[in-house]
Amino acid sequence: VNPSTGYIGDRCVLMIRQRQSRFISCFDEVVYYSVCRRAQLSEGTGRAIIECLTRWGISSEQFPLSLLRTTTVADPLDGDWNVQADATLTHLVDFSHWYTLPWSPLSGSWKMSNDAVKEAIKCGGERLSLFKIPEITRFVYNTNDTDNGRSMWEKDITHLNQKYKEMGTISQRKPLYSWSWFLEVDDSPLSKWTLTEGLHPSLSPHEILNKIYSLLPN
């Protein structure tokens, strides 16, 4: 069965087009954008992908669980990953949902700041465990007192609503039009370059790729 189409006997087509085919994780309900479901990410290649990305501080989670250094995580997929893959689950096909966290071993060009991470959590508020997990309250507001943290957050809401009014409602788990608040606050040098020079019409695809390749690990 070709997992991209559901047709039987597509072996040759799949071999030729495997990097262009989109993954379909089930046939009994709508699956958007080739997104892998928890079942595919909990074992085999899917699990290996998650473990590798986590080691490199790269995430597409709504709430990156690598934030939790002292709190036990019951399930490494509870952060809600958005992984989109080809039909063979060997290549990622969409990179618009990814961001790089401050503790990544990648160069500084890829990494968002700690302040950006804190702002993303503030945007999600209780939906991103701001007051549910003491470690997160302490990370964002430097206090062990939940009530004190909530008081500071409530003072931040007006500013955050104004700053992100076109992107969604503060205290929701995700923005209106993207997967994660972490995408909206990403202040990494590469993200800034993408939104300025990277969008300039005079820049050729070749120059854009050269810039990206220059920042990849050797």
N, C-alpha and C. Protein backbone atom coordinates (compact mmCIF):
# COMPACT_ATOMS: atom_id res chain seq x y z
N VAL A 1 0.85 -1.19 0.00
CA VAL A 1 0.00 0.00 0.00
C VAL A 1 0.88 1.24 0.00
N ASN A 2 0.60 2.16 -0.92
CA ASN A 2 1.30 3.44 -0.95
C ASN A 2 0.74 4.30 0.18
N PRO A 3 1.53 4.59 1.24
CA PRO A 3 1.00 5.35 2.38
C PRO A 3 0.65 6.79 2.04
N SER A 4 1.06 7.25 0.87
CA SER A 4 0.73 8.61 0.46
C SER A 4 -0.65 8.69 -0.19
N THR A 5 -1.08 7.61 -0.84
CA THR A 5 -2.35 7.64 -1.58
C THR A 5 -3.35 6.61 -1.11
N GLY A 6 -2.85 5.51 -0.48
CA GLY A 6 -3.74 4.44 -0.07
C GLY A 6 -3.94 3.39 -1.15
N TYR A 7 -3.33 3.62 -2.33
CA TYR A 7 -3.50 2.66 -3.42
C TYR A 7 -2.59 1.44 -3.21
N ILE A 8 -3.07 0.30 -3.66
CA ILE A 8 -2.29 -0.93 -3.58
C ILE A 8 -1.51 -1.13 -4.89
N GLY A 9 -0.26 -1.60 -4.75
CA GLY A 9 0.53 -1.89 -5.95
C GLY A 9 1.29 -0.71 -6.50
N ASP A 10 1.54 0.30 -5.69
CA ASP A 10 2.24 1.51 -6.14
C ASP A 10 3.74 1.47 -5.82
N ARG A 11 4.29 0.30 -5.72
CA ARG A 11 5.68 0.20 -5.26
C ARG A 11 6.65 1.02 -6.12
N CYS A 12 6.53 0.91 -7.43
CA CYS A 12 7.45 1.65 -8.32
C CYS A 12 7.25 3.15 -8.19
N VAL A 13 6.00 3.57 -8.12
CA VAL A 13 5.72 5.00 -7.97
C VAL A 13 6.31 5.51 -6.66
N LEU A 14 6.14 4.73 -5.61
CA LEU A 14 6.65 5.13 -4.32
C LEU A 14 8.17 5.22 -4.31
N MET A 15 8.83 4.29 -4.97
CA MET A 15 10.29 4.30 -5.02
C MET A 15 10.80 5.54 -5.74
N ILE A 16 10.10 5.92 -6.81
CA ILE A 16 10.55 7.07 -7.60
C ILE A 16 10.20 8.39 -6.92
N ARG A 17 9.03 8.44 -6.30
CA ARG A 17 8.54 9.70 -5.78
C ARG A 17 8.55 9.79 -4.25
N GLN A 18 9.29 8.93 -3.58
CA GLN A 18 9.16 8.86 -2.14
C GLN A 18 9.49 10.19 -1.45
N ARG A 19 10.41 10.98 -2.01
CA ARG A 19 10.75 12.23 -1.34
C ARG A 19 9.73 13.33 -1.62
N GLN A 20 8.87 13.11 -2.61
CA GLN A 20 7.85 14.10 -2.91
C GLN A 20 6.47 13.69 -2.40
N SER A 21 6.32 12.42 -2.04
CA SER A 21 5.03 11.94 -1.57
C SER A 21 4.78 12.42 -0.15
N ARG A 22 3.53 12.67 0.16
CA ARG A 22 3.17 13.14 1.49
C ARG A 22 2.66 11.98 2.35
N PHE A 23 3.06 12.03 3.61
CA PHE A 23 2.68 10.99 4.56
C PHE A 23 1.21 11.11 4.95
N ILE A 24 0.50 10.01 4.94
CA ILE A 24 -0.86 9.96 5.45
C ILE A 24 -0.88 8.97 6.61
N SER A 25 -1.21 9.46 7.79
CA SER A 25 -1.07 8.63 8.99
C SER A 25 -2.29 7.76 9.27
N CYS A 26 -3.41 8.06 8.63
CA CYS A 26 -4.59 7.22 8.80
C CYS A 26 -5.55 7.47 7.64
N PHE A 27 -6.49 6.57 7.45
CA PHE A 27 -7.42 6.70 6.33
C PHE A 27 -8.87 6.87 6.78
N ASP A 28 -9.10 6.88 8.10
CA ASP A 28 -10.48 6.93 8.58
C ASP A 28 -10.90 8.32 9.07
N GLU A 29 -10.01 9.30 8.95
CA GLU A 29 -10.36 10.66 9.31
C GLU A 29 -9.43 11.63 8.59
N VAL A 30 -9.78 12.91 8.61
CA VAL A 30 -8.97 13.92 7.92
C VAL A 30 -7.64 14.10 8.64
N VAL A 31 -6.56 14.10 7.87
CA VAL A 31 -5.22 14.35 8.41
C VAL A 31 -4.62 15.50 7.62
N TYR A 32 -4.26 16.56 8.30
CA TYR A 32 -3.80 17.77 7.63
C TYR A 32 -2.29 17.79 7.39
N TYR A 33 -1.90 18.26 6.21
CA TYR A 33 -0.52 18.64 5.92
C TYR A 33 0.51 17.55 6.20
N SER A 34 0.18 16.31 6.00
CA SER A 34 1.14 15.21 6.19
C SER A 34 1.63 15.10 7.62
N VAL A 35 0.83 15.54 8.58
CA VAL A 35 1.26 15.52 9.98
C VAL A 35 1.29 14.10 10.52
N CYS A 36 2.41 13.77 11.17
CA CYS A 36 2.54 12.46 11.81
C CYS A 36 1.80 12.47 13.14
N ARG A 37 1.08 11.42 13.39
CA ARG A 37 0.34 11.31 14.65
C ARG A 37 1.24 10.72 15.73
N ARG A 38 0.73 10.77 16.94
CA ARG A 38 1.51 10.29 18.09
C ARG A 38 1.98 8.84 17.88
N ALA A 39 1.13 8.02 17.29
CA ALA A 39 1.50 6.61 17.09
C ALA A 39 2.76 6.48 16.25
N GLN A 40 2.91 7.35 15.23
CA GLN A 40 4.09 7.26 14.36
C GLN A 40 5.34 7.86 15.02
N LEU A 41 5.14 8.77 15.97
CA LEU A 41 6.28 9.43 16.61
C LEU A 41 6.74 8.75 17.89
N SER A 42 6.00 7.76 18.33
CA SER A 42 6.31 7.11 19.61
C SER A 42 7.23 5.91 19.46
N GLU A 43 7.52 5.51 18.22
CA GLU A 43 8.40 4.36 18.03
C GLU A 43 9.11 4.44 16.68
N GLY A 44 10.09 3.58 16.51
CA GLY A 44 10.78 3.48 15.23
C GLY A 44 11.41 4.77 14.75
N THR A 45 11.30 5.03 13.45
CA THR A 45 11.91 6.21 12.85
C THR A 45 11.37 7.49 13.45
N GLY A 46 10.06 7.53 13.70
CA GLY A 46 9.46 8.73 14.28
C GLY A 46 10.08 9.08 15.62
N ARG A 47 10.24 8.10 16.47
CA ARG A 47 10.84 8.34 17.78
C ARG A 47 12.29 8.79 17.65
N ALA A 48 13.01 8.19 16.71
CA ALA A 48 14.41 8.55 16.48
C ALA A 48 14.51 10.02 16.03
N ILE A 49 13.57 10.46 15.20
CA ILE A 49 13.55 11.84 14.74
C ILE A 49 13.36 12.78 15.93
N ILE A 50 12.39 12.48 16.79
CA ILE A 50 12.12 13.33 17.95
C ILE A 50 13.33 13.39 18.87
N GLU A 51 13.94 12.25 19.13
CA GLU A 51 15.10 12.20 20.03
C GLU A 51 16.27 13.00 19.46
N CYS A 52 16.48 12.89 18.16
CA CYS A 52 17.58 13.61 17.52
C CYS A 52 17.34 15.12 17.59
N LEU A 53 16.15 15.56 17.24
CA LEU A 53 15.83 16.99 17.26
C LEU A 53 15.94 17.55 18.68
N THR A 54 15.48 16.78 19.66
CA THR A 54 15.55 17.24 21.04
C THR A 54 17.00 17.43 21.48
N ARG A 55 17.89 16.51 21.07
CA ARG A 55 19.30 16.65 21.43
C ARG A 55 19.90 17.93 20.86
N TRP A 56 19.41 18.33 19.69
CA TRP A 56 19.94 19.53 19.05
C TRP A 56 19.17 20.79 19.44
N GLY A 57 18.23 20.67 20.36
CA GLY A 57 17.50 21.84 20.82
C GLY A 57 16.57 22.42 19.77
N ILE A 58 16.12 21.58 18.86
CA ILE A 58 15.20 22.01 17.80
C ILE A 58 13.82 21.43 18.10
N SER A 59 12.79 22.24 17.92
CA SER A 59 11.46 21.78 18.29
C SER A 59 10.39 22.35 17.36
N SER A 60 9.27 21.64 17.29
CA SER A 60 8.07 22.17 16.65
C SER A 60 6.90 21.99 17.61
N GLU A 61 7.21 21.91 18.90
CA GLU A 61 6.19 21.70 19.92
C GLU A 61 5.45 23.00 20.24
N GLN A 62 4.22 22.87 20.67
CA GLN A 62 3.52 24.03 21.21
C GLN A 62 4.11 24.41 22.56
N PHE A 63 4.56 23.41 23.30
CA PHE A 63 5.24 23.64 24.57
C PHE A 63 6.46 22.73 24.63
N PRO A 64 7.67 23.25 24.40
CA PRO A 64 8.87 22.40 24.37
C PRO A 64 9.19 21.80 25.74
N LEU A 65 9.11 20.50 25.83
CA LEU A 65 9.31 19.83 27.11
C LEU A 65 10.76 19.90 27.58
N SER A 66 11.69 20.25 26.71
CA SER A 66 13.08 20.38 27.14
C SER A 66 13.26 21.58 28.07
N LEU A 67 12.21 22.41 28.21
CA LEU A 67 12.23 23.46 29.23
C LEU A 67 12.31 22.88 30.63
N LEU A 68 11.79 21.68 30.78
CA LEU A 68 11.68 21.07 32.10
C LEU A 68 12.96 20.33 32.43
N ARG A 69 13.78 20.92 33.28
CA ARG A 69 15.06 20.31 33.65
C ARG A 69 14.93 19.46 34.90
N THR A 70 13.98 19.80 35.77
CA THR A 70 13.87 19.08 37.04
C THR A 70 12.52 18.38 37.20
N THR A 71 11.56 18.74 36.35
CA THR A 71 10.24 18.12 36.43
C THR A 71 10.18 16.87 35.56
N THR A 72 9.68 15.78 36.11
CA THR A 72 9.58 14.53 35.37
C THR A 72 8.50 14.62 34.30
N VAL A 73 8.84 14.19 33.09
CA VAL A 73 7.90 14.21 31.98
C VAL A 73 7.35 12.80 31.78
N ALA A 74 6.04 12.69 31.79
CA ALA A 74 5.42 11.37 31.66
C ALA A 74 5.55 10.83 30.24
N ASP A 75 5.39 11.69 29.25
CA ASP A 75 5.43 11.29 27.85
C ASP A 75 6.17 12.35 27.05
N PRO A 76 7.26 11.99 26.37
CA PRO A 76 8.06 12.98 25.62
C PRO A 76 7.30 13.62 24.45
N LEU A 77 6.10 13.15 24.16
CA LEU A 77 5.31 13.73 23.08
C LEU A 77 4.22 14.68 23.60
N ASP A 78 4.16 14.88 24.90
CA ASP A 78 3.12 15.72 25.47
C ASP A 78 3.24 17.20 25.11
N GLY A 79 4.38 17.59 24.54
CA GLY A 79 4.54 18.98 24.13
C GLY A 79 3.81 19.31 22.84
N ASP A 80 3.23 18.29 22.20
CA ASP A 80 2.48 18.45 20.94
C ASP A 80 3.38 18.85 19.78
N TRP A 81 4.08 17.88 19.24
CA TRP A 81 4.95 18.09 18.08
C TRP A 81 4.13 18.23 16.81
N ASN A 82 4.63 19.03 15.89
CA ASN A 82 4.07 19.13 14.55
C ASN A 82 5.16 18.67 13.58
N VAL A 83 5.12 17.40 13.24
CA VAL A 83 6.11 16.82 12.33
C VAL A 83 5.41 16.42 11.05
N GLN A 84 5.87 16.98 9.93
CA GLN A 84 5.29 16.65 8.64
C GLN A 84 6.36 15.95 7.81
N ALA A 85 5.98 14.82 7.23
CA ALA A 85 6.99 13.97 6.60
C ALA A 85 6.54 13.45 5.24
N ASP A 86 7.52 12.86 4.54
CA ASP A 86 7.20 12.21 3.28
C ASP A 86 6.58 10.84 3.56
N ALA A 87 6.18 10.17 2.50
CA ALA A 87 5.42 8.92 2.65
C ALA A 87 6.20 7.83 3.38
N THR A 88 7.52 7.86 3.30
CA THR A 88 8.31 6.81 3.94
C THR A 88 8.76 7.19 5.35
N LEU A 89 8.38 8.36 5.81
CA LEU A 89 8.77 8.86 7.12
C LEU A 89 10.29 8.87 7.28
N THR A 90 10.97 9.29 6.22
CA THR A 90 12.43 9.41 6.27
C THR A 90 12.91 10.83 6.00
N HIS A 91 12.02 11.71 5.51
CA HIS A 91 12.40 13.09 5.23
C HIS A 91 11.31 14.04 5.74
N LEU A 92 11.73 15.10 6.40
CA LEU A 92 10.78 16.14 6.78
C LEU A 92 10.45 16.96 5.55
N VAL A 93 9.19 17.37 5.41
CA VAL A 93 8.79 18.08 4.20
C VAL A 93 8.30 19.50 4.46
N ASP A 94 8.24 19.91 5.72
CA ASP A 94 7.78 21.27 6.01
C ASP A 94 8.57 21.79 7.21
N PHE A 95 9.24 22.92 7.02
CA PHE A 95 10.08 23.46 8.09
C PHE A 95 9.52 24.76 8.66
N SER A 96 8.26 25.06 8.35
CA SER A 96 7.68 26.32 8.79
C SER A 96 7.25 26.29 10.26
N HIS A 97 7.31 25.12 10.89
CA HIS A 97 6.86 25.02 12.28
C HIS A 97 8.01 24.86 13.27
N TRP A 98 9.24 25.03 12.81
CA TRP A 98 10.39 24.71 13.64
C TRP A 98 11.06 25.95 14.21
N TYR A 99 11.64 25.80 15.38
CA TYR A 99 12.42 26.87 16.00
C TYR A 99 13.54 26.22 16.81
N THR A 100 14.55 27.02 17.14
CA THR A 100 15.72 26.51 17.86
C THR A 100 15.82 27.20 19.21
N LEU A 101 15.93 26.41 20.25
CA LEU A 101 15.90 26.91 21.63
C LEU A 101 17.28 27.40 22.08
N PRO A 102 17.33 28.24 23.10
CA PRO A 102 18.60 28.87 23.52
C PRO A 102 19.69 27.88 23.92
N TRP A 103 19.31 26.70 24.41
CA TRP A 103 20.30 25.74 24.89
C TRP A 103 20.76 24.77 23.79
N SER A 104 20.39 25.03 22.56
CA SER A 104 20.84 24.18 21.45
C SER A 104 22.35 24.27 21.27
N PRO A 105 23.01 23.16 20.88
CA PRO A 105 24.44 23.20 20.58
C PRO A 105 24.75 23.84 19.22
N LEU A 106 23.72 24.22 18.46
CA LEU A 106 23.94 24.92 17.19
C LEU A 106 24.49 26.31 17.46
N SER A 107 25.00 26.96 16.42
CA SER A 107 25.56 28.30 16.58
C SER A 107 24.47 29.29 16.97
N GLY A 108 24.90 30.42 17.51
CA GLY A 108 23.96 31.43 17.99
C GLY A 108 23.05 31.97 16.91
N SER A 109 23.42 31.83 15.65
CA SER A 109 22.60 32.36 14.56
C SER A 109 21.23 31.70 14.50
N TRP A 110 21.12 30.48 15.00
CA TRP A 110 19.87 29.73 14.91
C TRP A 110 18.97 29.91 16.13
N LYS A 111 19.53 30.37 17.23
CA LYS A 111 18.84 30.26 18.53
C LYS A 111 18.06 31.51 18.92
N MET A 112 16.85 31.29 19.39
CA MET A 112 16.09 32.39 19.99
C MET A 112 16.64 32.65 21.38
N SER A 113 16.32 33.80 21.92
CA SER A 113 16.83 34.17 23.24
C SER A 113 15.97 33.61 24.36
N ASN A 114 16.52 33.61 25.57
CA ASN A 114 15.74 33.20 26.74
C ASN A 114 14.54 34.12 26.94
N ASP A 115 14.73 35.41 26.65
CA ASP A 115 13.62 36.35 26.80
C ASP A 115 12.47 36.01 25.85
N ALA A 116 12.81 35.56 24.65
CA ALA A 116 11.78 35.18 23.68
C ALA A 116 11.03 33.95 24.16
N VAL A 117 11.74 32.99 24.73
CA VAL A 117 11.10 31.79 25.27
C VAL A 117 10.13 32.16 26.37
N LYS A 118 10.55 33.06 27.26
CA LYS A 118 9.68 33.50 28.34
C LYS A 118 8.44 34.20 27.80
N GLU A 119 8.63 35.01 26.76
CA GLU A 119 7.49 35.73 26.19
C GLU A 119 6.48 34.76 25.56
N ALA A 120 6.99 33.72 24.91
CA ALA A 120 6.10 32.73 24.32
C ALA A 120 5.24 32.08 25.40
N ILE A 121 5.85 31.74 26.53
CA ILE A 121 5.11 31.11 27.62
C ILE A 121 4.08 32.09 28.20
N LYS A 122 4.48 33.35 28.31
CA LYS A 122 3.52 34.35 28.79
C LYS A 122 2.32 34.45 27.85
N CYS A 123 2.56 34.36 26.55
CA CYS A 123 1.46 34.45 25.58
C CYS A 123 0.48 33.29 25.76
N GLY A 124 1.00 32.13 26.05
CA GLY A 124 0.15 30.96 26.25
C GLY A 124 -0.45 30.88 27.64
N GLY A 125 0.21 31.56 28.59
CA GLY A 125 -0.31 31.59 29.96
C GLY A 125 -0.56 30.22 30.54
N GLU A 126 -1.71 30.04 31.13
CA GLU A 126 -2.02 28.77 31.78
C GLU A 126 -2.09 27.61 30.80
N ARG A 127 -2.38 27.90 29.54
CA ARG A 127 -2.42 26.84 28.53
C ARG A 127 -1.02 26.25 28.28
N LEU A 128 0.01 27.01 28.66
CA LEU A 128 1.39 26.51 28.54
C LEU A 128 2.01 26.28 29.91
N SER A 129 1.16 25.91 30.85
CA SER A 129 1.61 25.47 32.18
C SER A 129 2.33 26.53 32.98
N LEU A 130 2.07 27.81 32.70
CA LEU A 130 2.79 28.88 33.39
C LEU A 130 2.59 28.82 34.90
N PHE A 131 1.41 28.46 35.35
CA PHE A 131 1.15 28.40 36.79
C PHE A 131 0.88 26.99 37.29
N LYS A 132 0.95 26.03 36.39
CA LYS A 132 0.71 24.64 36.76
C LYS A 132 2.00 23.95 37.19
N ILE A 133 3.10 24.32 36.55
CA ILE A 133 4.39 23.71 36.86
C ILE A 133 5.29 24.76 37.51
N PRO A 134 5.63 24.59 38.80
CA PRO A 134 6.43 25.59 39.51
C PRO A 134 7.74 25.94 38.80
N GLU A 135 8.33 24.95 38.14
CA GLU A 135 9.59 25.20 37.45
C GLU A 135 9.42 26.25 36.34
N ILE A 136 8.26 26.23 35.67
CA ILE A 136 8.00 27.19 34.60
C ILE A 136 7.72 28.58 35.18
N THR A 137 6.95 28.65 36.25
CA THR A 137 6.71 29.94 36.92
C THR A 137 8.03 30.56 37.35
N ARG A 138 8.91 29.74 37.88
CA ARG A 138 10.22 30.22 38.36
C ARG A 138 11.08 30.68 37.19
N PHE A 139 11.03 29.94 36.10
CA PHE A 139 11.84 30.30 34.92
C PHE A 139 11.39 31.65 34.33
N VAL A 140 10.07 31.86 34.26
CA VAL A 140 9.54 33.07 33.61
C VAL A 140 9.58 34.28 34.52
N TYR A 141 9.19 34.10 35.78
CA TYR A 141 9.04 35.25 36.67
C TYR A 141 9.96 35.24 37.89
N ASN A 142 10.85 34.27 37.94
CA ASN A 142 11.84 34.21 39.01
C ASN A 142 11.20 34.23 40.40
N THR A 143 10.14 33.49 40.54
CA THR A 143 9.47 33.38 41.83
C THR A 143 8.91 31.98 42.01
N ASN A 144 8.88 31.54 43.26
CA ASN A 144 8.27 30.25 43.58
C ASN A 144 6.83 30.41 44.02
N ASP A 145 6.39 31.66 44.13
CA ASP A 145 5.05 31.97 44.58
C ASP A 145 4.12 32.09 43.37
N THR A 146 3.21 31.13 43.21
CA THR A 146 2.30 31.11 42.06
C THR A 146 1.45 32.37 41.99
N ASP A 147 0.93 32.82 43.14
CA ASP A 147 0.08 34.01 43.16
C ASP A 147 0.87 35.25 42.74
N ASN A 148 2.10 35.33 43.17
CA ASN A 148 2.95 36.45 42.78
C ASN A 148 3.23 36.41 41.28
N GLY A 149 3.49 35.21 40.76
CA GLY A 149 3.73 35.06 39.33
C GLY A 149 2.50 35.44 38.52
N ARG A 150 1.33 35.03 38.98
CA ARG A 150 0.09 35.35 38.28
C ARG A 150 -0.16 36.87 38.28
N SER A 151 0.14 37.51 39.38
CA SER A 151 -0.03 38.96 39.47
C SER A 151 0.85 39.67 38.45
N MET A 152 2.10 39.21 38.30
CA MET A 152 3.01 39.81 37.32
C MET A 152 2.53 39.55 35.90
N TRP A 153 2.03 38.35 35.68
CA TRP A 153 1.52 38.01 34.34
C TRP A 153 0.33 38.87 33.96
N GLU A 154 -0.57 39.10 34.90
CA GLU A 154 -1.75 39.92 34.63
C GLU A 154 -1.37 41.34 34.25
N LYS A 155 -0.26 41.82 34.79
CA LYS A 155 0.23 43.16 34.42
C LYS A 155 0.82 43.15 33.01
N ASP A 156 1.30 41.99 32.58
CA ASP A 156 1.90 41.88 31.24
C ASP A 156 0.86 41.72 30.13
N ILE A 157 -0.35 41.31 30.48
CA ILE A 157 -1.35 40.94 29.48
C ILE A 157 -1.68 42.08 28.52
N THR A 158 -1.86 43.30 29.05
CA THR A 158 -2.22 44.44 28.20
C THR A 158 -1.18 44.67 27.12
N HIS A 159 0.08 44.66 27.53
CA HIS A 159 1.17 44.86 26.57
C HIS A 159 1.22 43.72 25.54
N LEU A 160 1.07 42.50 26.00
CA LEU A 160 1.13 41.35 25.10
C LEU A 160 -0.03 41.35 24.11
N ASN A 161 -1.22 41.69 24.60
CA ASN A 161 -2.38 41.75 23.70
C ASN A 161 -2.18 42.79 22.60
N GLN A 162 -1.59 43.90 22.97
CA GLN A 162 -1.34 44.96 21.98
C GLN A 162 -0.27 44.52 20.98
N LYS A 163 0.77 43.90 21.47
CA LYS A 163 1.90 43.51 20.63
C LYS A 163 1.52 42.40 19.65
N TYR A 164 0.68 41.47 20.09
CA TYR A 164 0.35 40.31 19.27
C TYR A 164 -1.12 40.26 18.85
N LYS A 165 -1.76 41.42 18.81
CA LYS A 165 -3.20 41.45 18.53
C LYS A 165 -3.56 40.88 17.17
N GLU A 166 -2.64 40.96 16.20
CA GLU A 166 -2.93 40.42 14.87
C GLU A 166 -2.68 38.92 14.80
N MET A 167 -2.12 38.35 15.84
CA MET A 167 -1.73 36.94 15.80
C MET A 167 -2.64 36.03 16.61
N GLY A 168 -3.46 36.61 17.47
CA GLY A 168 -4.34 35.77 18.26
C GLY A 168 -4.60 36.35 19.63
N THR A 169 -5.21 35.53 20.47
CA THR A 169 -5.61 35.96 21.81
C THR A 169 -4.63 35.43 22.84
N ILE A 170 -4.10 36.33 23.65
CA ILE A 170 -3.21 35.92 24.72
C ILE A 170 -3.94 34.99 25.67
N SER A 171 -3.25 33.99 26.14
CA SER A 171 -3.71 32.94 27.06
C SER A 171 -4.31 31.74 26.33
N GLN A 172 -4.31 31.78 24.98
CA GLN A 172 -4.65 30.58 24.21
C GLN A 172 -3.39 29.75 23.98
N ARG A 173 -3.54 28.46 23.79
CA ARG A 173 -2.37 27.58 23.66
C ARG A 173 -1.57 27.88 22.39
N LYS A 174 -2.22 28.38 21.35
CA LYS A 174 -1.53 28.68 20.10
C LYS A 174 -2.12 29.94 19.47
N PRO A 175 -1.37 30.59 18.58
CA PRO A 175 -1.90 31.75 17.86
C PRO A 175 -2.98 31.31 16.86
N LEU A 176 -3.61 32.28 16.22
CA LEU A 176 -4.69 31.96 15.28
C LEU A 176 -4.19 31.23 14.04
N TYR A 177 -3.07 31.70 13.48
CA TYR A 177 -2.68 31.23 12.15
C TYR A 177 -1.38 30.43 12.12
N SER A 178 -0.78 30.19 13.25
CA SER A 178 0.42 29.36 13.26
C SER A 178 0.33 28.34 14.38
N TRP A 179 1.29 27.44 14.41
CA TRP A 179 1.21 26.30 15.31
C TRP A 179 1.60 26.63 16.75
N SER A 180 2.47 27.62 16.93
CA SER A 180 3.05 27.81 18.26
C SER A 180 3.41 29.27 18.50
N TRP A 181 3.25 29.71 19.74
CA TRP A 181 3.69 31.05 20.12
C TRP A 181 5.20 31.20 19.97
N PHE A 182 5.93 30.11 20.06
CA PHE A 182 7.38 30.18 19.94
C PHE A 182 7.80 30.63 18.54
N LEU A 183 6.97 30.33 17.56
CA LEU A 183 7.25 30.79 16.20
C LEU A 183 7.07 32.30 16.09
N GLU A 184 6.10 32.85 16.80
CA GLU A 184 5.79 34.27 16.70
C GLU A 184 6.81 35.14 17.41
N VAL A 185 7.46 34.61 18.42
CA VAL A 185 8.42 35.42 19.20
C VAL A 185 9.87 35.17 18.79
N ASP A 186 10.10 34.25 17.87
CA ASP A 186 11.45 33.86 17.48
C ASP A 186 12.29 35.09 17.10
N ASP A 187 13.31 35.36 17.89
CA ASP A 187 14.18 36.52 17.64
C ASP A 187 15.60 36.11 17.26
N SER A 188 15.74 34.87 16.78
CA SER A 188 17.07 34.41 16.38
C SER A 188 17.60 35.25 15.23
N PRO A 189 18.92 35.41 15.13
CA PRO A 189 19.49 36.18 14.01
C PRO A 189 19.02 35.67 12.65
N LEU A 190 18.88 34.36 12.49
CA LEU A 190 18.45 33.82 11.20
C LEU A 190 17.00 34.20 10.91
N SER A 191 16.16 34.18 11.94
CA SER A 191 14.77 34.57 11.77
C SER A 191 14.68 36.04 11.37
N LYS A 192 15.47 36.88 12.02
CA LYS A 192 15.48 38.31 11.68
C LYS A 192 15.98 38.52 10.26
N TRP A 193 17.02 37.78 9.88
CA TRP A 193 17.55 37.90 8.51
C TRP A 193 16.50 37.48 7.49
N THR A 194 15.77 36.41 7.80
CA THR A 194 14.74 35.92 6.89
C THR A 194 13.67 36.98 6.65
N LEU A 195 13.29 37.68 7.71
CA LEU A 195 12.21 38.66 7.61
C LEU A 195 12.66 40.00 7.02
N THR A 196 13.97 40.18 6.87
CA THR A 196 14.47 41.44 6.30
C THR A 196 15.17 41.16 4.97
N GLU A 197 16.44 40.83 5.03
CA GLU A 197 17.22 40.58 3.80
C GLU A 197 16.71 39.37 3.03
N GLY A 198 16.30 38.31 3.76
CA GLY A 198 15.88 37.08 3.10
C GLY A 198 14.67 37.24 2.21
N LEU A 199 13.87 38.27 2.46
CA LEU A 199 12.68 38.51 1.64
C LEU A 199 12.91 39.54 0.55
N HIS A 200 14.12 40.08 0.48
CA HIS A 200 14.39 41.12 -0.51
C HIS A 200 14.36 40.52 -1.92
N PRO A 201 13.60 41.13 -2.83
CA PRO A 201 13.45 40.57 -4.18
C PRO A 201 14.75 40.47 -4.98
N SER A 202 15.75 41.24 -4.59
CA SER A 202 17.02 41.21 -5.34
C SER A 202 17.89 40.02 -4.95
N LEU A 203 17.52 39.32 -3.86
CA LEU A 203 18.31 38.19 -3.40
C LEU A 203 17.89 36.93 -4.14
N SER A 204 18.84 36.29 -4.79
CA SER A 204 18.54 35.10 -5.59
C SER A 204 18.40 33.87 -4.70
N PRO A 205 17.69 32.84 -5.16
CA PRO A 205 17.60 31.58 -4.40
C PRO A 205 18.98 31.02 -4.08
N HIS A 206 19.92 31.18 -5.01
CA HIS A 206 21.29 30.69 -4.78
C HIS A 206 21.93 31.39 -3.58
N GLU A 207 21.74 32.69 -3.48
CA GLU A 207 22.31 33.45 -2.36
C GLU A 207 21.64 33.07 -1.04
N ILE A 208 20.34 32.84 -1.09
CA ILE A 208 19.63 32.44 0.12
C ILE A 208 20.14 31.10 0.63
N LEU A 209 20.28 30.14 -0.29
CA LEU A 209 20.77 28.81 0.10
C LEU A 209 22.20 28.88 0.62
N ASN A 210 23.03 29.70 -0.01
CA ASN A 210 24.41 29.85 0.46
C ASN A 210 24.46 30.39 1.89
N LYS A 211 23.57 31.31 2.18
CA LYS A 211 23.51 31.86 3.54
C LYS A 211 23.14 30.77 4.54
N ILE A 212 22.14 29.98 4.21
CA ILE A 212 21.71 28.90 5.11
C ILE A 212 22.80 27.85 5.27
N TYR A 213 23.41 27.45 4.16
CA TYR A 213 24.48 26.44 4.22
C TYR A 213 25.66 26.92 5.06
N SER A 214 25.93 28.22 5.01
CA SER A 214 27.07 28.76 5.78
C SER A 214 26.85 28.63 7.28
N LEU A 215 25.61 28.48 7.71
CA LEU A 215 25.30 28.40 9.13
C LEU A 215 25.11 26.98 9.63
N LEU A 216 25.12 26.00 8.72
CA LEU A 216 24.95 24.60 9.12
C LEU A 216 26.20 24.06 9.77
N PRO A 217 26.07 23.11 10.71
CA PRO A 217 27.25 22.50 11.33
C PRO A 217 28.10 21.80 10.28
N ASN A 218 29.40 21.80 10.48
CA ASN A 218 30.30 21.10 9.56
C ASN A 218 30.20 19.58 9.75
